[in-house]
């Protein structure tokens, strides 16, 4: 089931409690780019699905993302520049 967040358990030994929405540290590949005002996408296709289905899901995801970049890329680039300028002002702030 596609989700807009990665279902990370708030307590790793208790799946009943709740999910936590976190920003991963740069130790993980999906945590490095958010540290630099960029988003990441994690595409997971599970090994128990048929290979052809996993390939199709990954391909469709890449094509969909490329379509979004074509439609919104210029705006996103402008927003990235603004985020970078804003980030330079964060030093020493709480």
C-alpha atoms as a PDB file:
ATOM      1  CA  UNK A   1       0.000   0.000   0.000  1.00  0.00           C
ATOM      2  CA  UNK A   2       1.569   3.347  -1.013  1.00  0.00           C
ATOM      3  CA  UNK A   3       2.064   5.683   1.942  1.00  0.00           C
ATOM      4  CA  UNK A   4       3.161   9.312   2.166  1.00  0.00           C
ATOM      5  CA  UNK A   5       5.407   8.454   5.111  1.00  0.00           C
ATOM      6  CA  UNK A   6       7.713   5.620   6.078  1.00  0.00           C
ATOM      7  CA  UNK A   7       5.964   3.581   8.777  1.00  0.00           C
ATOM      8  CA  UNK A   8       8.617   3.705  11.478  1.00  0.00           C
ATOM      9  CA  UNK A   9       7.528   2.366  14.847  1.00  0.00           C
ATOM     10  CA  UNK A  10       7.722   4.817  17.754  1.00  0.00           C
ATOM     11  CA  UNK A  11       8.814   1.912  19.980  1.00  0.00           C
ATOM     12  CA  UNK A  12      10.680  -0.693  17.971  1.00  0.00           C
ATOM     13  CA  UNK A  13       9.614  -3.514  20.266  1.00  0.00           C
ATOM     14  CA  UNK A  14       5.916  -2.564  20.424  1.00  0.00           C
ATOM     15  CA  UNK A  15       4.090  -2.320  17.078  1.00  0.00           C
ATOM     16  CA  UNK A  16       0.769  -1.556  18.782  1.00  0.00           C
ATOM     17  CA  UNK A  17       1.852   1.840  20.161  1.00  0.00           C
ATOM     18  CA  UNK A  18       2.039   4.115  17.101  1.00  0.00           C
ATOM     19  CA  UNK A  19       4.118   5.218  14.154  1.00  0.00           C
ATOM     20  CA  UNK A  20       6.679   7.992  14.408  1.00  0.00           C
ATOM     21  CA  UNK A  21       7.276  10.559  11.689  1.00  0.00           C
ATOM     22  CA  UNK A  22      10.967  11.351  11.787  1.00  0.00           C
ATOM     23  CA  UNK A  23      13.719  12.849   9.704  1.00  0.00           C
ATOM     24  CA  UNK A  24      16.398  10.232   9.364  1.00  0.00           C
ATOM     25  CA  UNK A  25      19.982  11.043  10.123  1.00  0.00           C
ATOM     26  CA  UNK A  26      22.465  11.394   7.245  1.00  0.00           C
ATOM     27  CA  UNK A  27      23.642   7.895   8.157  1.00  0.00           C
ATOM     28  CA  UNK A  28      20.798   6.626   5.966  1.00  0.00           C
ATOM     29  CA  UNK A  29      20.699   7.540   2.276  1.00  0.00           C
ATOM     30  CA  UNK A  30      17.189   8.961   2.660  1.00  0.00           C
ATOM     31  CA  UNK A  31      18.385  11.211   5.507  1.00  0.00           C
ATOM     32  CA  UNK A  32      21.318  12.860   3.734  1.00  0.00           C
ATOM     33  CA  UNK A  33      19.423  15.022   1.260  1.00  0.00           C
ATOM     34  CA  UNK A  34      16.783  16.432   3.652  1.00  0.00           C
ATOM     35  CA  UNK A  35      19.737  17.803   5.629  1.00  0.00           C
ATOM     36  CA  UNK A  36      20.373  19.893   2.520  1.00  0.00           C
ATOM     37  CA  UNK A  37      16.782  21.065   1.892  1.00  0.00           C
ATOM     38  CA  UNK A  38      16.030  18.374  -0.674  1.00  0.00           C
ATOM     39  CA  UNK A  39      13.477  15.599  -0.566  1.00  0.00           C
ATOM     40  CA  UNK A  40      14.067  11.920  -1.086  1.00  0.00           C
ATOM     41  CA  UNK A  41      11.932   9.098  -2.357  1.00  0.00           C
ATOM     42  CA  UNK A  42      12.215   5.565  -1.092  1.00  0.00           C
ATOM     43  CA  UNK A  43      10.737   3.010  -3.471  1.00  0.00           C
ATOM     44  CA  UNK A  44      10.349  -0.357  -1.841  1.00  0.00           C
ATOM     45  CA  UNK A  45       9.136  -3.360  -3.735  1.00  0.00           C
ATOM     46  CA  UNK A  46       9.080  -6.454  -1.625  1.00  0.00           C
ATOM     47  CA  UNK A  47      10.981  -9.552  -2.623  1.00  0.00           C
ATOM     48  CA  UNK A  48       7.927 -11.757  -2.302  1.00  0.00           C
ATOM     49  CA  UNK A  49       6.277  -9.920  -5.201  1.00  0.00           C
ATOM     50  CA  UNK A  50       6.953 -11.230  -8.704  1.00  0.00           C
ATOM     51  CA  UNK A  51      10.007  -9.723 -10.379  1.00  0.00           C
ATOM     52  CA  UNK A  52       8.046  -8.272 -13.325  1.00  0.00           C
ATOM     53  CA  UNK A  53       5.707  -6.485 -10.924  1.00  0.00           C
ATOM     54  CA  UNK A  54       8.620  -5.025  -8.947  1.00  0.00           C
ATOM     55  CA  UNK A  55      10.225  -3.768 -12.160  1.00  0.00           C
ATOM     56  CA  UNK A  56       6.928  -2.245 -13.343  1.00  0.00           C
ATOM     57  CA  UNK A  57       6.358  -0.481 -10.009  1.00  0.00           C
ATOM     58  CA  UNK A  58       9.882   0.959 -10.010  1.00  0.00           C
ATOM     59  CA  UNK A  59       9.627   2.031 -13.653  1.00  0.00           C
ATOM     60  CA  UNK A  60       6.244   3.681 -13.128  1.00  0.00           C
ATOM     61  CA  UNK A  61       7.570   5.521 -10.091  1.00  0.00           C
ATOM     62  CA  UNK A  62      10.581   6.878 -11.999  1.00  0.00           C
ATOM     63  CA  UNK A  63       8.420   7.907 -14.977  1.00  0.00           C
ATOM     64  CA  UNK A  64       5.898   9.608 -12.679  1.00  0.00           C
ATOM     65  CA  UNK A  65       8.651  11.502 -10.872  1.00  0.00           C
ATOM     66  CA  UNK A  66      10.176  12.594 -14.189  1.00  0.00           C
ATOM     67  CA  UNK A  67       6.749  13.868 -15.276  1.00  0.00           C
ATOM     68  CA  UNK A  68       6.439  15.858 -12.058  1.00  0.00           C
ATOM     69  CA  UNK A  69       9.889  17.358 -12.585  1.00  0.00           C
ATOM     70  CA  UNK A  70       8.936  18.314 -16.142  1.00  0.00           C
ATOM     71  CA  UNK A  71       5.784  20.012 -14.875  1.00  0.00           C
ATOM     72  CA  UNK A  72       7.175  21.655 -11.732  1.00  0.00           C
ATOM     73  CA  UNK A  73      10.963  21.578 -12.016  1.00  0.00           C
ATOM     74  CA  UNK A  74      11.493  25.299 -12.591  1.00  0.00           C
ATOM     75  CA  UNK A  75       9.323  26.171  -9.581  1.00  0.00           C
ATOM     76  CA  UNK A  76      11.049  23.549  -7.433  1.00  0.00           C
ATOM     77  CA  UNK A  77      14.472  24.869  -8.423  1.00  0.00           C
ATOM     78  CA  UNK A  78      13.423  28.364  -7.362  1.00  0.00           C
ATOM     79  CA  UNK A  79      12.109  27.030  -4.037  1.00  0.00           C
ATOM     80  CA  UNK A  80      15.350  25.108  -3.477  1.00  0.00           C
ATOM     81  CA  UNK A  81      17.311  28.324  -3.954  1.00  0.00           C
ATOM     82  CA  UNK A  82      15.091  30.090  -1.426  1.00  0.00           C
ATOM     83  CA  UNK A  83      15.494  27.232   1.050  1.00  0.00           C
ATOM     84  CA  UNK A  84      19.263  27.359   0.646  1.00  0.00           C
ATOM     85  CA  UNK A  85      19.344  31.101   1.337  1.00  0.00           C
ATOM     86  CA  UNK A  86      17.078  30.619   4.353  1.00  0.00           C
ATOM     87  CA  UNK A  87      19.296  27.809   5.661  1.00  0.00           C
ATOM     88  CA  UNK A  88      22.327  30.112   5.705  1.00  0.00           C
ATOM     89  CA  UNK A  89      20.519  32.166   8.379  1.00  0.00           C
ATOM     90  CA  UNK A  90      19.951  29.215  10.711  1.00  0.00           C
ATOM     91  CA  UNK A  91      23.401  29.214  12.301  1.00  0.00           C
ATOM     92  CA  UNK A  92      23.116  30.150  15.972  1.00  0.00           C
ATOM     93  CA  UNK A  93      19.304  30.040  15.895  1.00  0.00           C
ATOM     94  CA  UNK A  94      17.245  27.793  18.152  1.00  0.00           C
END
